[in-house]
Amino acid sequence: MTDEPVSLSAALASFSDLWSPRIVTAVNDYDVRVAKVEGDHLWHTHDHTDEFFLVLEGELTIVLREPAGERAVVLPKGSVFTVPRGTEHKPSAPAGAAILMFEPTGTLTVGDRHDEIPAHVDAATGHALG
């Protein structure tokens, strides 16, 4: 981590990988990550933590599997949403988006339980800015 301000636009411009978050800073035991996303992620669940999303550019849709059935949450630029722990969800961005996530350090991008991981999804705990 750095003790200098981090430009989110510069951080996003520093990489091109999709669904491969970069850690821009940490707050206590949490990582603040940015990612470029396009297309579908995968169905997954974080058993022990909520997952916070902020859409920086574009639009993100998160489909949730809840007791009442599936529900799609559409997040335009500037919107935030928290997926509650234990909720199966699948983010997607057909036209592409840039997002910021806030989650405990060491949290896998594919959660604790997930579908088969497609080649375009990086199953990681985030990468340092390059």
C-alpha atoms as a PDB file:
ATOM      1  CA  MET A   1       0.000   0.000   0.000  1.00  0.00           C
ATOM      2  CA  THR A   2       1.059   3.546  -0.515  1.00  0.00           C
ATOM      3  CA  ASP A   3       0.860   6.569   1.747  1.00  0.00           C
ATOM      4  CA  GLU A   4       0.069   8.722  -1.289  1.00  0.00           C
ATOM      5  CA  PRO A   5      -3.327   9.389  -2.915  1.00  0.00           C
ATOM      6  CA  VAL A   6      -4.382   6.870  -5.563  1.00  0.00           C
ATOM      7  CA  SER A   7      -6.125   8.035  -8.725  1.00  0.00           C
ATOM      8  CA  LEU A   8      -8.822   5.488  -9.548  1.00  0.00           C
ATOM      9  CA  SER A   9      -8.762   6.454 -13.228  1.00  0.00           C
ATOM     10  CA  ALA A  10      -4.972   5.958 -13.338  1.00  0.00           C
ATOM     11  CA  ALA A  11      -5.312   2.649 -11.480  1.00  0.00           C
ATOM     12  CA  LEU A  12      -7.898   1.434 -13.999  1.00  0.00           C
ATOM     13  CA  ALA A  13      -5.748   2.626 -16.914  1.00  0.00           C
ATOM     14  CA  SER A  14      -2.787   0.584 -15.623  1.00  0.00           C
ATOM     15  CA  PHE A  15      -4.235  -2.815 -16.587  1.00  0.00           C
ATOM     16  CA  SER A  16      -6.531  -4.379 -19.172  1.00  0.00           C
ATOM     17  CA  ASP A  17      -7.442  -7.780 -17.680  1.00  0.00           C
ATOM     18  CA  LEU A  18     -11.154  -8.335 -17.130  1.00  0.00           C
ATOM     19  CA  TRP A  19     -12.580  -9.739 -13.896  1.00  0.00           C
ATOM     20  CA  SER A  20      -9.114  -9.414 -12.308  1.00  0.00           C
ATOM     21  CA  PRO A  21      -9.249  -6.902  -9.430  1.00  0.00           C
ATOM     22  CA  ARG A  22      -6.367  -4.659  -8.395  1.00  0.00           C
ATOM     23  CA  ILE A  23      -5.955  -3.604  -4.773  1.00  0.00           C
ATOM     24  CA  VAL A  24      -5.780   0.195  -4.602  1.00  0.00           C
ATOM     25  CA  THR A  25      -5.636   0.556  -0.813  1.00  0.00           C
ATOM     26  CA  ALA A  26      -6.587  -1.132   2.449  1.00  0.00           C
ATOM     27  CA  VAL A  27      -8.802  -0.027   5.304  1.00  0.00           C
ATOM     28  CA  ASN A  28      -8.211  -1.985   8.505  1.00  0.00           C
ATOM     29  CA  ASP A  29      -8.548  -5.627   7.417  1.00  0.00           C
ATOM     30  CA  TYR A  30     -10.341  -4.806   4.148  1.00  0.00           C
ATOM     31  CA  ASP A  31      -9.078  -4.417   0.592  1.00  0.00           C
ATOM     32  CA  VAL A  32     -10.421  -1.731  -1.695  1.00  0.00           C
ATOM     33  CA  ARG A  33     -10.248  -3.235  -5.184  1.00  0.00           C
ATOM     34  CA  VAL A  34     -10.996  -1.923  -8.660  1.00  0.00           C
ATOM     35  CA  ALA A  35     -11.791  -4.101 -11.647  1.00  0.00           C
ATOM     36  CA  LYS A  36     -12.723  -3.863 -15.287  1.00  0.00           C
ATOM     37  CA  VAL A  37     -15.578  -6.189 -16.105  1.00  0.00           C
ATOM     38  CA  GLU A  38     -17.413  -7.236 -19.246  1.00  0.00           C
ATOM     39  CA  GLY A  39     -19.755 -10.136 -19.950  1.00  0.00           C
ATOM     40  CA  ASP A  40     -20.655 -12.567 -17.170  1.00  0.00           C
ATOM     41  CA  HIS A  41     -18.795 -13.520 -14.013  1.00  0.00           C
ATOM     42  CA  LEU A  42     -20.080 -16.758 -12.419  1.00  0.00           C
ATOM     43  CA  TRP A  43     -22.563 -17.820  -9.793  1.00  0.00           C
ATOM     44  CA  HIS A  44     -20.822 -17.729  -6.421  1.00  0.00           C
ATOM     45  CA  THR A  45     -21.372 -17.231  -2.711  1.00  0.00           C
ATOM     46  CA  HIS A  46     -19.308 -15.584   0.013  1.00  0.00           C
ATOM     47  CA  ASP A  47     -20.261 -17.506   3.155  1.00  0.00           C
ATOM     48  CA  HIS A  48     -18.619 -15.203   5.707  1.00  0.00           C
ATOM     49  CA  THR A  49     -18.692 -11.686   4.283  1.00  0.00           C
ATOM     50  CA  ASP A  50     -20.892  -9.175   2.536  1.00  0.00           C
ATOM     51  CA  GLU A  51     -19.614  -7.840  -0.806  1.00  0.00           C
ATOM     52  CA  PHE A  52     -19.785  -4.108  -1.546  1.00  0.00           C
ATOM     53  CA  PHE A  53     -19.931  -2.798  -5.136  1.00  0.00           C
ATOM     54  CA  LEU A  54     -19.588   0.768  -6.452  1.00  0.00           C
ATOM     55  CA  VAL A  55     -19.955   1.309 -10.200  1.00  0.00           C
ATOM     56  CA  LEU A  56     -17.347   3.801 -11.419  1.00  0.00           C
ATOM     57  CA  GLU A  57     -18.099   3.530 -15.153  1.00  0.00           C
ATOM     58  CA  GLY A  58     -20.773   1.769 -17.200  1.00  0.00           C
ATOM     59  CA  GLU A  59     -23.499  -0.393 -15.713  1.00  0.00           C
ATOM     60  CA  LEU A  60     -23.353  -3.578 -13.634  1.00  0.00           C
ATOM     61  CA  THR A  61     -26.139  -6.094 -13.130  1.00  0.00           C
ATOM     62  CA  ILE A  62     -26.046  -8.477 -10.189  1.00  0.00           C
ATOM     63  CA  VAL A  63     -28.496 -11.377 -10.247  1.00  0.00           C
ATOM     64  CA  LEU A  64     -29.269 -12.700  -6.772  1.00  0.00           C
ATOM     65  CA  ARG A  65     -30.720 -16.078  -5.847  1.00  0.00           C
ATOM     66  CA  GLU A  66     -32.946 -15.342  -2.874  1.00  0.00           C
ATOM     67  CA  PRO A  67     -35.566 -17.442  -1.056  1.00  0.00           C
ATOM     68  CA  ALA A  68     -38.304 -15.793  -3.150  1.00  0.00           C
ATOM     69  CA  GLY A  69     -36.438 -16.540  -6.397  1.00  0.00           C
ATOM     70  CA  GLU A  70     -33.953 -14.771  -8.662  1.00  0.00           C
ATOM     71  CA  ARG A  71     -33.793 -10.983  -8.672  1.00  0.00           C
ATOM     72  CA  ALA A  72     -31.686  -8.723 -10.902  1.00  0.00           C
ATOM     73  CA  VAL A  73     -30.233  -5.544  -9.380  1.00  0.00           C
ATOM     74  CA  VAL A  74     -29.125  -3.010 -12.003  1.00  0.00           C
ATOM     75  CA  LEU A  75     -26.434  -0.556 -10.916  1.00  0.00           C
ATOM     76  CA  PRO A  76     -25.808   2.443 -13.159  1.00  0.00           C
ATOM     77  CA  LYS A  77     -22.649   4.553 -12.813  1.00  0.00           C
ATOM     78  CA  GLY A  78     -22.373   6.026  -9.322  1.00  0.00           C
ATOM     79  CA  SER A  79     -24.557   3.372  -7.664  1.00  0.00           C
ATOM     80  CA  VAL A  80     -23.623   1.183  -4.728  1.00  0.00           C
ATOM     81  CA  PHE A  81     -25.002  -2.163  -3.607  1.00  0.00           C
ATOM     82  CA  THR A  82     -24.053  -4.709  -0.979  1.00  0.00           C
ATOM     83  CA  VAL A  83     -24.638  -8.412  -1.586  1.00  0.00           C
ATOM     84  CA  PRO A  84     -25.391  -9.975   1.814  1.00  0.00           C
ATOM     85  CA  ARG A  85     -23.149 -12.810   2.984  1.00  0.00           C
ATOM     86  CA  GLY A  86     -24.450 -16.220   2.014  1.00  0.00           C
ATOM     87  CA  THR A  87     -26.390 -14.896  -1.004  1.00  0.00           C
ATOM     88  CA  GLU A  88     -25.602 -16.636  -4.286  1.00  0.00           C
ATOM     89  CA  HIS A  89     -25.003 -14.003  -6.959  1.00  0.00           C
ATOM     90  CA  LYS A  90     -23.722 -13.488 -10.486  1.00  0.00           C
ATOM     91  CA  PRO A  91     -22.406 -10.093 -11.638  1.00  0.00           C
ATOM     92  CA  SER A  92     -22.490  -9.174 -15.318  1.00  0.00           C
ATOM     93  CA  ALA A  93     -21.806  -6.162 -17.505  1.00  0.00           C
ATOM     94  CA  PRO A  94     -22.797  -6.817 -21.138  1.00  0.00           C
ATOM     95  CA  ALA A  95     -21.440  -3.442 -22.297  1.00  0.00           C
ATOM     96  CA  GLY A  96     -18.529  -3.341 -19.854  1.00  0.00           C
ATOM     97  CA  ALA A  97     -18.023  -1.474 -16.584  1.00  0.00           C
ATOM     98  CA  ALA A  98     -15.436  -0.408 -14.049  1.00  0.00           C
ATOM     99  CA  ILE A  99     -16.219  -1.251 -10.439  1.00  0.00           C
ATOM    100  CA  LEU A 100     -14.830  -0.749  -6.952  1.00  0.00           C
ATOM    101  CA  MET A 101     -15.277  -3.493  -4.350  1.00  0.00           C
ATOM    102  CA  PHE A 102     -14.710  -3.463  -0.613  1.00  0.00           C
ATOM    103  CA  GLU A 103     -14.135  -6.840   1.018  1.00  0.00           C
ATOM    104  CA  PRO A 104     -11.972  -8.490   3.687  1.00  0.00           C
ATOM    105  CA  THR A 105      -8.322  -9.014   2.729  1.00  0.00           C
ATOM    106  CA  GLY A 106      -7.875 -12.507   1.324  1.00  0.00           C
ATOM    107  CA  THR A 107     -11.432 -12.841  -0.025  1.00  0.00           C
ATOM    108  CA  LEU A 108     -11.461 -14.845  -3.264  1.00  0.00           C
ATOM    109  CA  THR A 109     -13.146 -13.240  -6.272  1.00  0.00           C
ATOM    110  CA  VAL A 110     -15.087 -16.478  -6.794  1.00  0.00           C
ATOM    111  CA  GLY A 111     -16.277 -16.762  -3.201  1.00  0.00           C
ATOM    112  CA  ASP A 112     -16.357 -19.844  -1.009  1.00  0.00           C
ATOM    113  CA  ARG A 113     -18.749 -21.817  -3.222  1.00  0.00           C
ATOM    114  CA  HIS A 114     -19.031 -21.346  -6.977  1.00  0.00           C
ATOM    115  CA  ASP A 115     -19.798 -22.788 -10.384  1.00  0.00           C
ATOM    116  CA  GLU A 116     -16.960 -24.000 -12.588  1.00  0.00           C
ATOM    117  CA  ILE A 117     -14.565 -21.100 -13.141  1.00  0.00           C
ATOM    118  CA  PRO A 118     -14.490 -19.952 -16.790  1.00  0.00           C
ATOM    119  CA  ALA A 119     -11.153 -18.997 -18.361  1.00  0.00           C
ATOM    120  CA  HIS A 120     -12.016 -15.272 -18.439  1.00  0.00           C
ATOM    121  CA  VAL A 121     -12.447 -15.054 -14.635  1.00  0.00           C
ATOM    122  CA  ASP A 122      -9.401 -14.589 -12.402  1.00  0.00           C
ATOM    123  CA  ALA A 123      -9.885 -16.631  -9.197  1.00  0.00           C
ATOM    124  CA  ALA A 124      -7.680 -14.481  -6.986  1.00  0.00           C
ATOM    125  CA  THR A 125      -7.662 -12.353  -3.861  1.00  0.00           C
ATOM    126  CA  GLY A 126      -6.753  -9.269  -5.875  1.00  0.00           C
ATOM    127  CA  HIS A 127      -3.466  -8.117  -7.371  1.00  0.00           C
ATOM    128  CA  ALA A 128      -1.194  -5.234  -6.431  1.00  0.00           C
ATOM    129  CA  LEU A 129      -1.237  -2.244  -8.747  1.00  0.00           C
ATOM    130  CA  GLY A 130       1.483  -2.666 -11.302  1.00  0.00           C
END
